[in-house]
Amino acid sequence: MHYLGISCGFHDAAVSVVNSKGEILFAGHSERYSKNKHDAELCPEIMADAFNYIGDQPYQLHYYERPFAKAVRQVRAGQKVGPLLARNVIGKEIYDSMKSPRIYTHCHHLSHAAAGFQTSPFSDATIIVIDAIGELDTVSIWDAYYDYKGNAVYRKLWSKKYPNSLGMFYSAVTQRVGLKPMDEEYILMGMAAYGQPKHTDKMIMDLLHDKFSLDFTHNLHAGLDDEFLKDADNEDMAASAQKFIEILLSVVLYKAKVLGTSNNLVYGGGVALNCLANRQIGAYYRNIWIMPNPGDAGNSLGAAALGYKKKLNWRNAFLGHEISGYYPVVPAFLELNKNKIVGVASGKAEFGPRALGNRSLLADPRGPDIKDKVNEIKRRQKFRPFAPVILEELVHQYFEMPHGWQNSRYMQVVARCKYPDKFPAIIHADGTSRVQTVPKDDSGIRKLLNLWYVDKKCPMLLNTSLNIRGEPMVNDRSDAKRFQEKYGIKVV
């Protein structure tokens, strides 16, 4: 039996395939195939890739949320009501192409919990899920463990329901500063370094009845009132919103520590991508797991995990479309040595929003002009930061990792660089870097870093996603060729 997990219909549609041994055979984003960023719909190309792994084997179809429960919330809130059945959300063409199997539906936040827990190294955990909204939950805390049969057991301990939502608050501020909500929240996070949290106290006083219960005074689904802090600078709004999120995350962490029974934390939902706020998690938990795709796309894997029931065999995040052949270690090194910048498109694409070495634009982090040059290539705002990818065993020599964080394999936390003058291309305005550590494994990016370190005595490279402006990350060979032709940067 194979387990096909699907998330679609709202944003970031994705598909995952798990086999009867708990191996994750495939997990990919629809946007990478359609080239429509944050594509909410499934496309035939991603389904074809998924079914290459299923073949003629029997499979179950698992959907990441319960459309009828979501529709009930929409009716109560006076919103436009979506389809009541998962098959209608999936779409007739795609559903019929799968020979109309039965669909097993799961609670949205439970899918988040399963995506995190069943990929984690833990046998038990306390789980926190924070996002904009599921069917009704916006924050939830769970206990999870495996029973004597090896099946995952979940018990909800506490939740906060719509319209009280940390995720919707952050999206509302994203919209207020002129960015695109449900898309550019990560830019708001970077913008925070340029402002001061002058307005956090007013946000807490005016937008919350009680910060300890997370009860909001306003439904922020439609955004902030036009008069609220209308004269505030965008940078100060960003910094204030970031501080607001960090304060409320600490409240949730405290609740989880009191209510939960495990010393292991699994954290999921879209807010778990806020690597600035994640610095404080180590004050509450020493064992932390954030699956590299904690948002709704990752719920396709969570739905498949709920079908499989047991611990999944997690190896790494390289789970998507495969560009066959050896990782181009030597060609990438030679191009870096010559021109300081190279694109790499090799192996299976990353499952998650961040490039981790298989669909990456890599550069020498030491040059004073490299940051501006890469931002120019990507047509990005000049204030945007870049991440370092570093040999994991050397990270503590170069970065002050936050308390409780021994590594950051999926760019999940920021750290302060000990030698910012030596690596100007990966230092943000506040002196931090969103670190990616690479363990001693057989990955291509590890081999490239080893070669770079031996030759340059530099254990890191600048790493950002390989994508054409306005499009998702490069997926296949034709995408890589288009990138090279458009920007004049060699892609190996």
Foldseek 3Di string as FASTA:
>chain_A
DKEWFWAAQPWFTKIWIADLVQATQFIDTQQQVVQAHRHRAHDPVQVVVRVVVVPPPDYAYEYQAQLLLLQVVCVVVVHDRDDRDPCVSRPDVVCVVVVNDDYHYDHNVLLLVQLFPLADPDQKAWEWEAAQATSWFRIWIWTWHADPVQFIDIDTQDTDTPLLHLHLQLQLLCVLQPHHGPPCSVVLLLLLLVAALPCLVVCCVQFAPDLLVSHGPDRCNVHDDCPVPVVDHSNNSSNNSVVNSLVSVVSVLVVSLVRYDDLAYTYAEPVLQSQASVLCNLVRHLHYTYPQARYSSSSSVSRSSVVSRHRHDHDFQQRHFADDDDFPQPVQLVLCVPPFKAFEAHTGAGNHQWGQPNQKIKGAQQDPCVQVVVCVLQVHDSQDAWAKEFALVCCVVFWDRRRSDSFAQNLRHKTATPCCNRGVRHAHSNRIGSYHHDYPDDDSVCSNLVVCCVVPVDGIITIGGNQHHSGGGNGYPVRQVVSCVVRVHHYD
